[in-house]
N, C-alpha and C. Protein backbone atom coordinates (compact mmCIF):
# COMPACT_ATOMS: atom_id res chain seq x y z
N UNK A 1 31.87 94.57 109.25
CA UNK A 1 32.97 94.48 108.31
C UNK A 1 32.54 93.76 107.04
N UNK A 2 31.80 92.66 107.22
CA UNK A 2 31.33 91.91 106.06
C UNK A 2 30.41 92.76 105.20
N UNK A 3 29.54 93.53 105.86
CA UNK A 3 28.63 94.38 105.09
C UNK A 3 29.41 95.44 104.33
N UNK A 4 30.46 95.98 104.95
CA UNK A 4 31.29 96.99 104.28
C UNK A 4 31.96 96.40 103.05
N UNK A 5 32.53 95.19 103.19
CA UNK A 5 33.18 94.53 102.06
C UNK A 5 32.19 94.22 100.95
N UNK A 6 30.97 93.77 101.35
CA UNK A 6 29.96 93.46 100.36
C UNK A 6 29.55 94.71 99.60
N UNK A 7 29.38 95.82 100.31
CA UNK A 7 29.01 97.07 99.67
C UNK A 7 30.11 97.53 98.71
N UNK A 8 31.37 97.39 99.16
CA UNK A 8 32.49 97.76 98.29
C UNK A 8 32.50 96.91 97.03
N UNK A 9 32.29 95.60 97.19
CA UNK A 9 32.31 94.69 96.05
C UNK A 9 31.20 95.03 95.04
N UNK A 10 30.00 95.30 95.55
CA UNK A 10 28.89 95.62 94.67
C UNK A 10 29.13 96.94 93.95
N UNK A 11 29.66 97.92 94.68
CA UNK A 11 29.95 99.22 94.07
C UNK A 11 31.00 99.07 92.99
N UNK A 12 32.04 98.29 93.29
CA UNK A 12 33.12 98.07 92.32
C UNK A 12 32.62 97.33 91.10
N UNK A 13 31.72 96.36 91.30
CA UNK A 13 31.17 95.59 90.19
C UNK A 13 30.34 96.47 89.27
N UNK A 14 29.51 97.34 89.86
CA UNK A 14 28.70 98.26 89.07
C UNK A 14 29.60 99.20 88.26
N UNK A 15 30.68 99.66 88.92
CA UNK A 15 31.63 100.56 88.24
C UNK A 15 32.24 99.88 87.03
N UNK A 16 32.65 98.63 87.20
CA UNK A 16 33.25 97.90 86.08
C UNK A 16 32.27 97.71 84.95
N UNK A 17 31.02 97.34 85.28
CA UNK A 17 30.03 97.07 84.24
C UNK A 17 29.68 98.32 83.46
N UNK A 18 29.87 99.49 84.10
CA UNK A 18 29.50 100.73 83.44
C UNK A 18 30.65 101.35 82.65
N UNK A 19 31.85 100.78 82.77
CA UNK A 19 33.00 101.31 82.06
C UNK A 19 32.81 101.25 80.55
N UNK A 20 33.24 102.29 79.87
CA UNK A 20 33.24 102.28 78.41
C UNK A 20 34.62 101.84 77.95
N UNK A 21 34.70 100.64 77.43
CA UNK A 21 35.99 100.08 77.01
C UNK A 21 36.15 100.08 75.49
N UNK A 22 35.11 100.57 74.77
CA UNK A 22 35.22 100.70 73.33
C UNK A 22 35.75 102.09 73.01
N UNK A 23 36.69 102.16 72.11
CA UNK A 23 37.25 103.44 71.69
C UNK A 23 37.06 103.60 70.19
N UNK A 24 36.40 104.68 69.78
CA UNK A 24 36.16 104.94 68.37
C UNK A 24 36.98 106.15 67.93
N UNK A 25 37.79 105.96 66.90
CA UNK A 25 38.59 107.04 66.33
C UNK A 25 38.02 107.39 64.97
N UNK A 26 37.79 108.68 64.74
CA UNK A 26 37.19 109.13 63.49
C UNK A 26 38.03 110.26 62.91
N UNK A 27 37.82 110.60 61.63
CA UNK A 27 38.59 111.70 61.04
C UNK A 27 38.31 113.02 61.73
N UNK A 28 39.34 113.85 61.79
CA UNK A 28 39.15 115.20 62.29
C UNK A 28 38.66 116.09 61.15
N UNK A 29 37.61 116.84 61.39
CA UNK A 29 37.09 117.71 60.34
C UNK A 29 36.25 116.94 59.34
N UNK A 30 36.06 117.55 58.19
CA UNK A 30 35.17 117.00 57.16
C UNK A 30 35.98 116.45 56.00
N UNK A 31 35.58 115.29 55.51
CA UNK A 31 36.25 114.65 54.38
C UNK A 31 35.74 115.25 53.07
N UNK A 32 36.65 115.56 52.18
CA UNK A 32 36.28 116.12 50.89
C UNK A 32 35.80 115.00 49.96
N UNK A 33 34.65 115.19 49.36
CA UNK A 33 34.08 114.22 48.42
C UNK A 33 33.76 114.93 47.12
N UNK A 34 34.52 114.65 46.07
CA UNK A 34 34.29 115.25 44.77
C UNK A 34 33.24 114.46 44.01
N UNK A 35 32.42 115.16 43.25
CA UNK A 35 31.36 114.50 42.49
C UNK A 35 31.94 113.53 41.45
N UNK A 36 33.19 113.74 41.04
CA UNK A 36 33.82 112.90 40.02
C UNK A 36 34.35 111.59 40.59
N UNK A 37 34.38 111.46 41.92
CA UNK A 37 34.93 110.26 42.53
C UNK A 37 33.86 109.17 42.65
N UNK A 38 34.26 107.93 42.41
CA UNK A 38 33.34 106.80 42.54
C UNK A 38 33.04 106.50 44.00
N UNK A 39 34.06 106.63 44.84
CA UNK A 39 33.93 106.20 46.23
C UNK A 39 34.86 107.06 47.09
N UNK A 40 34.34 107.60 48.17
CA UNK A 40 35.15 108.41 49.09
C UNK A 40 35.02 107.80 50.48
N UNK A 41 36.16 107.62 51.15
CA UNK A 41 36.19 106.95 52.45
C UNK A 41 36.59 107.91 53.56
N UNK A 42 35.80 107.95 54.62
CA UNK A 42 36.21 108.58 55.87
C UNK A 42 36.62 107.45 56.79
N UNK A 43 37.93 107.29 57.00
CA UNK A 43 38.43 106.13 57.72
C UNK A 43 38.31 106.31 59.22
N UNK A 44 37.72 105.32 59.85
CA UNK A 44 37.62 105.28 61.29
C UNK A 44 38.15 103.96 61.82
N UNK A 45 38.30 103.88 63.14
CA UNK A 45 38.77 102.65 63.78
C UNK A 45 38.03 102.47 65.10
N UNK A 46 37.74 101.22 65.43
CA UNK A 46 37.14 100.92 66.72
C UNK A 46 38.03 99.89 67.42
N UNK A 47 38.27 100.14 68.71
CA UNK A 47 39.18 99.27 69.46
C UNK A 47 38.52 98.81 70.76
N UNK A 48 38.73 97.56 71.08
CA UNK A 48 38.29 96.99 72.36
C UNK A 48 39.45 97.13 73.34
N UNK A 49 39.33 98.07 74.26
CA UNK A 49 40.41 98.32 75.21
C UNK A 49 40.29 97.50 76.49
N UNK A 50 39.34 96.58 76.52
CA UNK A 50 39.20 95.73 77.71
C UNK A 50 40.10 94.51 77.57
N UNK A 51 40.13 93.68 78.63
CA UNK A 51 40.94 92.46 78.60
C UNK A 51 40.09 91.23 78.29
N UNK A 52 38.88 91.46 77.75
CA UNK A 52 37.99 90.36 77.38
C UNK A 52 37.45 90.58 75.98
N UNK A 53 37.05 89.51 75.33
CA UNK A 53 36.43 89.60 74.01
C UNK A 53 35.07 90.29 74.11
N UNK A 54 34.80 91.19 73.18
CA UNK A 54 33.55 91.94 73.17
C UNK A 54 32.87 91.75 71.82
N UNK A 55 31.57 91.49 71.85
CA UNK A 55 30.77 91.43 70.64
C UNK A 55 30.02 92.74 70.49
N UNK A 56 30.21 93.38 69.34
CA UNK A 56 29.69 94.73 69.12
C UNK A 56 28.60 94.70 68.05
N UNK A 57 27.51 95.38 68.36
CA UNK A 57 26.47 95.63 67.38
C UNK A 57 26.59 97.09 66.96
N UNK A 58 26.68 97.35 65.63
CA UNK A 58 26.74 98.75 65.22
C UNK A 58 25.50 99.13 64.40
N UNK A 59 25.21 100.43 64.44
CA UNK A 59 24.05 100.96 63.73
C UNK A 59 24.43 102.29 63.07
N UNK A 60 24.04 102.43 61.83
CA UNK A 60 24.30 103.66 61.08
C UNK A 60 23.08 104.57 61.11
N UNK A 61 23.31 105.86 61.33
CA UNK A 61 22.24 106.85 61.29
C UNK A 61 22.62 107.92 60.28
N UNK A 62 21.88 108.00 59.19
CA UNK A 62 22.16 109.00 58.16
C UNK A 62 21.49 110.31 58.55
N UNK A 63 22.29 111.27 58.99
CA UNK A 63 21.77 112.56 59.42
C UNK A 63 21.48 113.45 58.23
N UNK A 64 22.39 113.44 57.27
CA UNK A 64 22.23 114.25 56.05
C UNK A 64 22.86 113.50 54.89
N UNK A 65 22.16 113.48 53.75
CA UNK A 65 22.70 112.81 52.57
C UNK A 65 22.04 113.41 51.33
N UNK A 66 22.84 113.94 50.45
CA UNK A 66 22.32 114.54 49.23
C UNK A 66 21.59 113.51 48.39
N UNK A 67 20.45 113.88 47.83
CA UNK A 67 19.70 112.99 46.95
C UNK A 67 20.60 112.53 45.80
N UNK A 68 20.60 111.22 45.58
CA UNK A 68 21.44 110.65 44.54
C UNK A 68 22.74 110.07 45.06
N UNK A 69 23.10 110.44 46.30
CA UNK A 69 24.28 109.85 46.94
C UNK A 69 23.88 108.55 47.64
N UNK A 70 24.88 107.66 47.80
CA UNK A 70 24.72 106.46 48.62
C UNK A 70 25.81 106.47 49.68
N UNK A 71 25.58 105.74 50.76
CA UNK A 71 26.59 105.62 51.81
C UNK A 71 26.58 104.20 52.36
N UNK A 72 27.73 103.75 52.83
CA UNK A 72 27.86 102.38 53.34
C UNK A 72 28.93 102.32 54.42
N UNK A 73 28.90 101.23 55.19
CA UNK A 73 29.83 101.01 56.29
C UNK A 73 30.76 99.85 55.94
N UNK A 74 32.03 100.00 56.33
CA UNK A 74 32.98 98.89 56.22
C UNK A 74 33.60 98.63 57.59
N UNK A 75 33.66 97.36 58.01
CA UNK A 75 34.43 96.98 59.18
C UNK A 75 35.35 95.84 58.79
N UNK A 76 35.98 95.18 59.75
CA UNK A 76 36.96 94.14 59.43
C UNK A 76 36.31 92.93 58.77
N UNK A 77 35.00 92.78 58.97
CA UNK A 77 34.30 91.63 58.41
C UNK A 77 33.90 91.82 56.96
N UNK A 78 33.48 93.04 56.62
CA UNK A 78 32.80 93.22 55.35
C UNK A 78 32.68 94.69 55.00
N UNK A 79 32.59 94.96 53.71
CA UNK A 79 32.11 96.26 53.23
C UNK A 79 30.65 96.03 52.85
N UNK A 80 29.75 96.60 53.62
CA UNK A 80 28.33 96.33 53.45
C UNK A 80 27.73 97.18 52.33
N UNK A 81 26.60 96.75 51.83
CA UNK A 81 25.92 97.51 50.79
C UNK A 81 25.25 98.73 51.41
N UNK A 82 24.94 99.75 50.60
CA UNK A 82 24.31 100.95 51.14
C UNK A 82 22.99 100.69 51.88
N UNK A 83 22.30 99.62 51.53
CA UNK A 83 21.01 99.33 52.17
C UNK A 83 21.16 98.72 53.56
N UNK A 84 22.38 98.32 53.92
CA UNK A 84 22.58 97.63 55.20
C UNK A 84 22.95 98.65 56.26
N UNK A 85 22.05 98.87 57.23
CA UNK A 85 22.23 99.94 58.19
C UNK A 85 22.60 99.52 59.60
N UNK A 86 22.52 98.22 59.92
CA UNK A 86 22.90 97.77 61.25
C UNK A 86 23.18 96.28 61.24
N UNK A 87 24.05 95.86 62.15
CA UNK A 87 24.37 94.44 62.25
C UNK A 87 23.37 93.75 63.17
N UNK A 88 23.41 92.43 63.14
CA UNK A 88 22.51 91.66 64.01
C UNK A 88 23.08 90.28 64.25
N UNK A 89 22.70 89.70 65.37
CA UNK A 89 23.12 88.34 65.69
C UNK A 89 22.52 87.35 64.71
N UNK A 90 21.29 87.61 64.27
CA UNK A 90 20.60 86.70 63.34
C UNK A 90 21.35 86.60 62.01
N UNK A 91 21.91 87.73 61.54
CA UNK A 91 22.66 87.73 60.28
C UNK A 91 24.10 87.26 60.46
N UNK A 92 24.53 87.15 61.70
CA UNK A 92 25.92 86.79 61.95
C UNK A 92 26.89 87.91 61.60
N UNK A 93 26.40 89.15 61.65
CA UNK A 93 27.22 90.28 61.22
C UNK A 93 27.78 91.11 62.37
N UNK A 94 27.42 90.79 63.62
CA UNK A 94 27.99 91.53 64.74
C UNK A 94 29.51 91.43 64.72
N UNK A 95 30.14 92.47 65.20
CA UNK A 95 31.60 92.59 65.15
C UNK A 95 32.20 92.04 66.44
N UNK A 96 33.02 91.00 66.33
CA UNK A 96 33.66 90.40 67.49
C UNK A 96 35.09 90.91 67.58
N UNK A 97 35.41 91.54 68.71
CA UNK A 97 36.74 92.09 68.92
C UNK A 97 37.39 91.41 70.11
N UNK A 98 38.54 90.81 69.89
CA UNK A 98 39.29 90.20 70.98
C UNK A 98 39.86 91.30 71.88
N UNK A 99 40.36 90.91 73.04
CA UNK A 99 40.95 91.88 73.97
C UNK A 99 42.05 92.67 73.26
N UNK A 100 41.93 93.99 73.26
CA UNK A 100 42.93 94.85 72.64
C UNK A 100 42.86 94.94 71.13
N UNK A 101 41.90 94.26 70.50
CA UNK A 101 41.84 94.24 69.03
C UNK A 101 41.20 95.51 68.48
N UNK A 102 41.69 95.93 67.31
CA UNK A 102 41.16 97.09 66.61
C UNK A 102 40.67 96.69 65.23
N UNK A 103 39.59 97.29 64.78
CA UNK A 103 39.03 97.04 63.45
C UNK A 103 38.85 98.36 62.74
N UNK A 104 38.99 98.33 61.42
CA UNK A 104 38.58 99.52 60.66
C UNK A 104 37.08 99.73 60.85
N UNK A 105 36.66 100.97 60.82
CA UNK A 105 35.27 101.34 61.07
C UNK A 105 34.99 102.55 60.19
N UNK A 106 34.79 102.28 58.91
CA UNK A 106 34.80 103.33 57.89
C UNK A 106 33.40 103.65 57.38
N UNK A 107 33.23 104.91 57.00
CA UNK A 107 32.03 105.33 56.28
C UNK A 107 32.43 105.67 54.85
N UNK A 108 31.71 105.09 53.89
CA UNK A 108 31.92 105.38 52.48
C UNK A 108 30.73 106.18 51.95
N UNK A 109 31.02 107.09 51.04
CA UNK A 109 29.95 107.74 50.28
C UNK A 109 30.25 107.57 48.80
N UNK A 110 29.17 107.47 48.02
CA UNK A 110 29.25 107.31 46.57
C UNK A 110 28.50 108.49 45.94
N UNK A 111 29.24 109.53 45.47
CA UNK A 111 28.58 110.73 44.96
C UNK A 111 27.78 110.53 43.68
N UNK A 112 28.14 109.50 42.88
CA UNK A 112 27.39 109.20 41.65
C UNK A 112 27.29 110.41 40.71
N UNK A 113 28.40 111.18 40.66
CA UNK A 113 28.45 112.29 39.73
C UNK A 113 27.71 113.54 40.18
N UNK A 114 27.27 113.57 41.45
CA UNK A 114 26.45 114.68 41.96
C UNK A 114 27.22 115.43 43.04
N UNK A 115 27.21 116.75 42.98
CA UNK A 115 27.80 117.54 44.06
C UNK A 115 26.87 117.51 45.27
N UNK A 116 27.46 117.36 46.45
CA UNK A 116 26.60 117.29 47.63
C UNK A 116 27.39 117.20 48.91
N UNK A 117 26.73 116.70 49.95
CA UNK A 117 27.33 116.61 51.28
C UNK A 117 26.63 115.52 52.07
N UNK A 118 27.26 115.14 53.17
CA UNK A 118 26.67 114.08 54.00
C UNK A 118 27.17 114.19 55.43
N UNK A 119 26.33 113.76 56.36
CA UNK A 119 26.72 113.55 57.75
C UNK A 119 26.15 112.20 58.18
N UNK A 120 27.02 111.33 58.65
CA UNK A 120 26.60 109.98 59.03
C UNK A 120 27.10 109.67 60.43
N UNK A 121 26.21 109.22 61.30
CA UNK A 121 26.59 108.79 62.64
C UNK A 121 26.71 107.27 62.66
N UNK A 122 27.69 106.78 63.40
CA UNK A 122 27.91 105.35 63.52
C UNK A 122 28.06 105.02 65.00
N UNK A 123 27.12 104.22 65.53
CA UNK A 123 27.11 103.88 66.95
C UNK A 123 27.44 102.41 67.14
N UNK A 124 28.36 102.13 68.06
CA UNK A 124 28.75 100.76 68.38
C UNK A 124 28.42 100.47 69.83
N UNK A 125 27.77 99.32 70.08
CA UNK A 125 27.33 98.98 71.43
C UNK A 125 27.71 97.54 71.76
N UNK A 126 28.27 97.35 72.92
CA UNK A 126 28.55 96.01 73.46
C UNK A 126 27.21 95.30 73.68
N UNK A 127 27.01 94.14 73.06
CA UNK A 127 25.72 93.47 73.15
C UNK A 127 25.41 92.96 74.55
N UNK A 128 26.43 92.84 75.41
CA UNK A 128 26.20 92.37 76.78
C UNK A 128 26.19 93.51 77.80
N UNK A 129 26.46 94.74 77.34
CA UNK A 129 26.50 95.87 78.25
C UNK A 129 26.16 97.13 77.48
N UNK A 130 24.92 97.54 77.55
CA UNK A 130 24.46 98.69 76.76
C UNK A 130 25.14 99.99 77.15
N UNK A 131 25.74 100.03 78.36
CA UNK A 131 26.45 101.22 78.80
C UNK A 131 27.77 101.38 78.05
N UNK A 132 28.27 100.29 77.55
CA UNK A 132 29.55 100.30 76.83
C UNK A 132 29.28 100.62 75.36
N UNK A 133 29.12 101.89 75.07
CA UNK A 133 28.73 102.31 73.71
C UNK A 133 29.48 103.58 73.32
N UNK A 134 29.75 103.71 72.03
CA UNK A 134 30.42 104.90 71.50
C UNK A 134 29.75 105.30 70.20
N UNK A 135 29.78 106.59 69.89
CA UNK A 135 29.20 107.10 68.65
C UNK A 135 30.19 108.04 67.97
N UNK A 136 30.35 107.86 66.68
CA UNK A 136 31.20 108.75 65.89
C UNK A 136 30.37 109.45 64.83
N UNK A 137 30.77 110.66 64.46
CA UNK A 137 30.09 111.42 63.41
C UNK A 137 31.07 111.66 62.27
N UNK A 138 30.71 111.21 61.10
CA UNK A 138 31.55 111.31 59.90
C UNK A 138 30.90 112.30 58.95
N UNK A 139 31.61 113.34 58.58
CA UNK A 139 31.03 114.37 57.73
C UNK A 139 31.79 114.49 56.41
N UNK A 140 31.07 114.88 55.39
CA UNK A 140 31.63 115.04 54.05
C UNK A 140 31.18 116.39 53.49
N UNK A 141 32.16 117.18 53.06
CA UNK A 141 31.89 118.48 52.43
C UNK A 141 31.10 119.42 53.33
N UNK A 142 31.40 119.37 54.60
CA UNK A 142 30.78 120.30 55.55
C UNK A 142 31.70 121.51 55.68
N UNK A 143 31.32 122.65 55.14
CA UNK A 143 32.19 123.82 55.06
C UNK A 143 32.43 124.48 56.40
N UNK A 144 31.65 124.10 57.42
CA UNK A 144 31.81 124.71 58.73
C UNK A 144 32.94 124.08 59.53
N UNK A 145 33.51 123.00 58.98
CA UNK A 145 34.62 122.35 59.66
C UNK A 145 35.82 122.28 58.75
N UNK A 146 36.96 122.00 59.32
CA UNK A 146 38.17 121.91 58.50
C UNK A 146 38.14 120.68 57.63
N UNK A 147 38.87 120.74 56.55
CA UNK A 147 38.86 119.64 55.58
C UNK A 147 39.85 118.56 55.99
N UNK A 148 39.40 117.33 55.92
CA UNK A 148 40.26 116.18 56.17
C UNK A 148 40.21 115.29 54.94
N UNK A 149 41.33 115.13 54.30
CA UNK A 149 41.32 114.35 53.06
C UNK A 149 42.13 113.07 53.27
N UNK A 150 41.70 112.03 52.60
CA UNK A 150 42.35 110.74 52.70
C UNK A 150 43.30 110.56 51.52
N UNK A 151 44.59 110.35 51.81
CA UNK A 151 45.54 110.10 50.74
C UNK A 151 45.38 108.66 50.28
N UNK A 152 45.09 108.48 49.03
CA UNK A 152 44.91 107.13 48.52
C UNK A 152 45.28 107.10 47.04
N UNK A 153 45.77 105.98 46.56
CA UNK A 153 46.14 105.89 45.16
C UNK A 153 44.91 105.96 44.27
N UNK A 154 45.10 106.45 43.06
CA UNK A 154 44.01 106.55 42.10
C UNK A 154 43.87 105.21 41.39
N UNK A 155 42.92 104.42 41.83
CA UNK A 155 42.71 103.07 41.27
C UNK A 155 41.32 103.01 40.66
N UNK A 156 41.27 102.57 39.43
CA UNK A 156 39.98 102.41 38.75
C UNK A 156 39.83 100.97 38.27
N UNK A 157 38.56 100.55 38.20
CA UNK A 157 38.23 99.22 37.67
C UNK A 157 37.69 99.39 36.26
N UNK A 158 38.17 98.57 35.34
CA UNK A 158 37.70 98.64 33.96
C UNK A 158 37.71 97.22 33.37
N UNK A 159 36.92 96.94 32.35
CA UNK A 159 35.79 97.77 31.92
C UNK A 159 34.67 97.73 32.96
N UNK A 160 33.89 98.78 32.99
CA UNK A 160 32.77 98.89 33.94
C UNK A 160 31.67 99.73 33.28
N UNK A 161 30.61 99.10 32.79
CA UNK A 161 30.15 97.72 32.99
C UNK A 161 31.08 96.70 32.32
N UNK A 162 30.96 95.45 32.78
CA UNK A 162 31.77 94.39 32.22
C UNK A 162 30.91 93.16 31.96
N UNK A 163 31.46 92.25 31.16
CA UNK A 163 30.77 90.98 30.90
C UNK A 163 31.61 89.77 31.31
N UNK A 164 32.93 89.84 31.08
CA UNK A 164 33.77 88.67 31.29
C UNK A 164 34.82 88.83 32.39
N UNK A 165 35.47 90.00 32.45
CA UNK A 165 36.57 90.17 33.40
C UNK A 165 36.68 91.64 33.79
N UNK A 166 37.44 91.89 34.86
CA UNK A 166 37.77 93.26 35.25
C UNK A 166 39.28 93.36 35.42
N UNK A 167 39.81 94.55 35.26
CA UNK A 167 41.21 94.85 35.49
C UNK A 167 41.31 96.10 36.34
N UNK A 168 42.52 96.37 36.85
CA UNK A 168 42.77 97.56 37.67
C UNK A 168 43.73 98.49 36.95
N UNK A 169 43.48 99.79 37.08
CA UNK A 169 44.35 100.76 36.43
C UNK A 169 45.66 100.94 37.19
N UNK A 170 45.68 100.59 38.48
CA UNK A 170 46.88 100.74 39.31
C UNK A 170 46.82 99.68 40.39
N UNK A 171 47.62 98.63 40.24
CA UNK A 171 47.52 97.47 41.13
C UNK A 171 48.60 97.44 42.19
N UNK A 172 49.46 98.44 42.21
CA UNK A 172 50.64 98.41 43.06
C UNK A 172 50.29 98.26 44.54
N UNK A 173 49.21 98.92 44.98
CA UNK A 173 48.87 98.95 46.40
C UNK A 173 47.83 97.90 46.80
N UNK A 174 47.34 97.14 45.82
CA UNK A 174 46.24 96.20 46.07
C UNK A 174 46.79 94.80 46.32
N UNK A 175 46.33 94.19 47.41
CA UNK A 175 46.74 92.81 47.71
C UNK A 175 45.65 91.81 47.34
N UNK A 176 44.40 92.24 47.40
CA UNK A 176 43.31 91.34 47.03
C UNK A 176 42.07 92.14 46.67
N UNK A 177 41.13 91.47 46.00
CA UNK A 177 39.86 92.07 45.61
C UNK A 177 38.74 91.18 46.12
N UNK A 178 37.75 91.77 46.76
CA UNK A 178 36.57 91.02 47.21
C UNK A 178 35.34 91.63 46.57
N UNK A 179 34.48 90.77 46.02
CA UNK A 179 33.27 91.23 45.35
C UNK A 179 32.05 90.78 46.14
N UNK A 180 31.13 91.74 46.40
CA UNK A 180 29.95 91.47 47.20
C UNK A 180 28.69 91.76 46.39
N UNK A 181 27.65 90.94 46.61
CA UNK A 181 26.39 91.20 45.92
C UNK A 181 25.58 92.24 46.68
N UNK A 182 24.37 92.53 46.22
CA UNK A 182 23.61 93.64 46.77
C UNK A 182 23.09 93.37 48.18
N UNK A 183 23.16 92.13 48.65
CA UNK A 183 22.75 91.85 50.03
C UNK A 183 23.95 91.70 50.95
N UNK A 184 25.14 92.05 50.44
CA UNK A 184 26.33 92.05 51.27
C UNK A 184 27.06 90.73 51.39
N UNK A 185 26.69 89.75 50.57
CA UNK A 185 27.37 88.45 50.62
C UNK A 185 28.56 88.45 49.66
N UNK A 186 29.71 87.98 50.16
CA UNK A 186 30.88 87.92 49.29
C UNK A 186 30.73 86.79 48.29
N UNK A 187 30.89 87.11 47.01
CA UNK A 187 30.71 86.11 45.96
C UNK A 187 32.01 85.79 45.22
N UNK A 188 33.02 86.64 45.37
CA UNK A 188 34.31 86.40 44.74
C UNK A 188 35.42 86.96 45.62
N UNK A 189 36.55 86.30 45.63
CA UNK A 189 37.74 86.82 46.30
C UNK A 189 38.95 86.47 45.45
N UNK A 190 39.71 87.50 45.06
CA UNK A 190 40.89 87.31 44.23
C UNK A 190 42.12 87.86 44.95
N UNK A 191 43.24 87.13 44.85
CA UNK A 191 44.52 87.72 45.19
C UNK A 191 45.01 88.53 43.99
N UNK A 192 45.62 89.68 44.25
CA UNK A 192 46.14 90.48 43.15
C UNK A 192 47.16 89.66 42.37
N UNK A 193 47.05 89.68 41.05
CA UNK A 193 47.90 88.83 40.23
C UNK A 193 48.62 89.61 39.14
N UNK A 194 49.63 89.01 38.59
CA UNK A 194 50.48 89.66 37.59
C UNK A 194 49.72 89.98 36.32
N UNK A 195 48.78 89.12 35.94
CA UNK A 195 48.05 89.31 34.68
C UNK A 195 47.05 90.46 34.75
N UNK A 196 46.66 90.85 35.99
CA UNK A 196 45.76 91.98 36.19
C UNK A 196 44.41 91.77 35.50
N UNK A 197 43.96 90.52 35.44
CA UNK A 197 42.62 90.23 34.93
C UNK A 197 41.92 89.28 35.90
N UNK A 198 40.66 89.62 36.20
CA UNK A 198 39.90 88.85 37.19
C UNK A 198 38.57 88.44 36.57
N UNK A 199 38.38 87.14 36.48
CA UNK A 199 37.25 86.58 35.74
C UNK A 199 35.95 86.68 36.54
N UNK A 200 34.95 87.34 35.97
CA UNK A 200 33.64 87.47 36.63
C UNK A 200 32.52 86.99 35.71
N UNK A 201 32.88 86.22 34.69
CA UNK A 201 31.91 85.81 33.68
C UNK A 201 30.76 85.01 34.28
N UNK A 202 31.02 84.29 35.40
CA UNK A 202 29.99 83.44 35.99
C UNK A 202 29.06 84.19 36.94
N UNK A 203 29.31 85.45 37.17
CA UNK A 203 28.41 86.22 38.05
C UNK A 203 27.13 86.58 37.31
N UNK A 204 25.99 86.48 37.97
CA UNK A 204 24.74 86.90 37.33
C UNK A 204 24.75 88.41 37.04
N UNK A 205 23.96 88.80 36.08
CA UNK A 205 23.81 90.22 35.76
C UNK A 205 23.31 90.97 36.98
N UNK A 206 23.91 92.15 37.25
CA UNK A 206 23.48 92.93 38.40
C UNK A 206 24.54 93.92 38.84
N UNK A 207 24.31 94.53 40.01
CA UNK A 207 25.21 95.51 40.60
C UNK A 207 25.96 94.86 41.76
N UNK A 208 27.28 95.08 41.82
CA UNK A 208 28.13 94.53 42.86
C UNK A 208 29.01 95.62 43.44
N UNK A 209 29.57 95.35 44.62
CA UNK A 209 30.58 96.22 45.21
C UNK A 209 31.91 95.47 45.21
N UNK A 210 32.94 96.13 44.67
CA UNK A 210 34.28 95.54 44.64
C UNK A 210 35.13 96.25 45.69
N UNK A 211 35.55 95.51 46.69
CA UNK A 211 36.40 96.05 47.76
C UNK A 211 37.85 95.78 47.41
N UNK A 212 38.63 96.86 47.26
CA UNK A 212 40.06 96.75 46.98
C UNK A 212 40.79 96.78 48.31
N UNK A 213 41.56 95.74 48.60
CA UNK A 213 42.14 95.55 49.92
C UNK A 213 43.66 95.68 49.84
N UNK A 214 44.21 96.47 50.74
CA UNK A 214 45.66 96.67 50.80
C UNK A 214 46.28 95.95 51.97
N UNK A 215 47.41 96.47 52.44
CA UNK A 215 48.12 95.85 53.56
C UNK A 215 47.27 95.87 54.82
N UNK A 216 47.47 94.86 55.66
CA UNK A 216 46.78 94.74 56.95
C UNK A 216 45.27 94.68 56.79
N UNK A 217 44.80 94.19 55.64
CA UNK A 217 43.37 94.02 55.38
C UNK A 217 42.61 95.34 55.44
N UNK A 218 43.27 96.45 55.16
CA UNK A 218 42.62 97.75 55.15
C UNK A 218 41.98 98.00 53.79
N UNK A 219 40.79 98.52 53.80
CA UNK A 219 40.09 98.84 52.56
C UNK A 219 40.70 100.10 51.93
N UNK A 220 41.19 99.96 50.70
CA UNK A 220 41.71 101.12 49.98
C UNK A 220 40.56 101.89 49.34
N UNK A 221 39.65 101.16 48.76
CA UNK A 221 38.57 101.78 48.00
C UNK A 221 37.50 100.73 47.75
N UNK A 222 36.26 101.16 47.64
CA UNK A 222 35.17 100.28 47.25
C UNK A 222 34.49 100.88 46.02
N UNK A 223 34.36 100.09 44.97
CA UNK A 223 33.84 100.57 43.69
C UNK A 223 32.60 99.77 43.31
N UNK A 224 31.59 100.46 42.83
CA UNK A 224 30.40 99.78 42.33
C UNK A 224 30.67 99.26 40.93
N UNK A 225 30.29 98.00 40.71
CA UNK A 225 30.54 97.33 39.43
C UNK A 225 29.22 96.89 38.84
N UNK A 226 29.04 97.18 37.55
CA UNK A 226 27.86 96.72 36.84
C UNK A 226 28.25 95.51 35.99
N UNK A 227 27.61 94.38 36.26
CA UNK A 227 27.90 93.14 35.53
C UNK A 227 26.77 92.86 34.55
N UNK A 228 27.16 92.71 33.29
CA UNK A 228 26.20 92.35 32.26
C UNK A 228 26.33 90.88 31.89
N UNK A 229 25.44 90.39 31.03
CA UNK A 229 25.46 88.99 30.65
C UNK A 229 26.77 88.59 30.03
N UNK A 230 27.24 87.37 30.33
CA UNK A 230 28.51 86.90 29.82
C UNK A 230 28.48 86.64 28.33
N UNK A 231 29.70 86.53 27.78
CA UNK A 231 29.83 86.31 26.33
C UNK A 231 29.46 84.88 25.98
């Protein structure tokens, strides 16, 4: 009897450890990306369906990307730069999800004025259980699949390039702005304000990503900003 119970316990334990409790939701079909757009988002979500906190390491795999395009990942922690392809414990970028918690898990493409297409895979793995892993495929302008478009307000940042400040062409849906440098570190955070001017004069000359954040900390849009020397 004891041996039977022990065998049952071990079998049940193995079954639990092998369960996939991460759920990844991705767009159905292909997201339309126009060459005239600064940033196009294929919105995804990842959820921890277990009753315990899970630490997730994700990795991006660019299957197809038109020359001249860039792509990047956004989760609840950060909108990463195009050069950042996977999280790590050393960088402190792994995604921690509490029991039942969901995070945005988005792929962005930046057409840079070029017509093209992209396919990007995004894999998330529980750092304590390699069996608990999910992979999503995000496609842009793939004519073999149905089109999935993201409804979003037309928001532009100006002036761009800038020297002293930036403003928004449509601030109604924006609750805050976060600015990241080329290594993915947040250097500025603004709450949306009535004056619609955000001072960036103290930022060094260079390229930045401006994440426009709406309700529930969801990314509305991410725009590349060129900062020139201050006045």
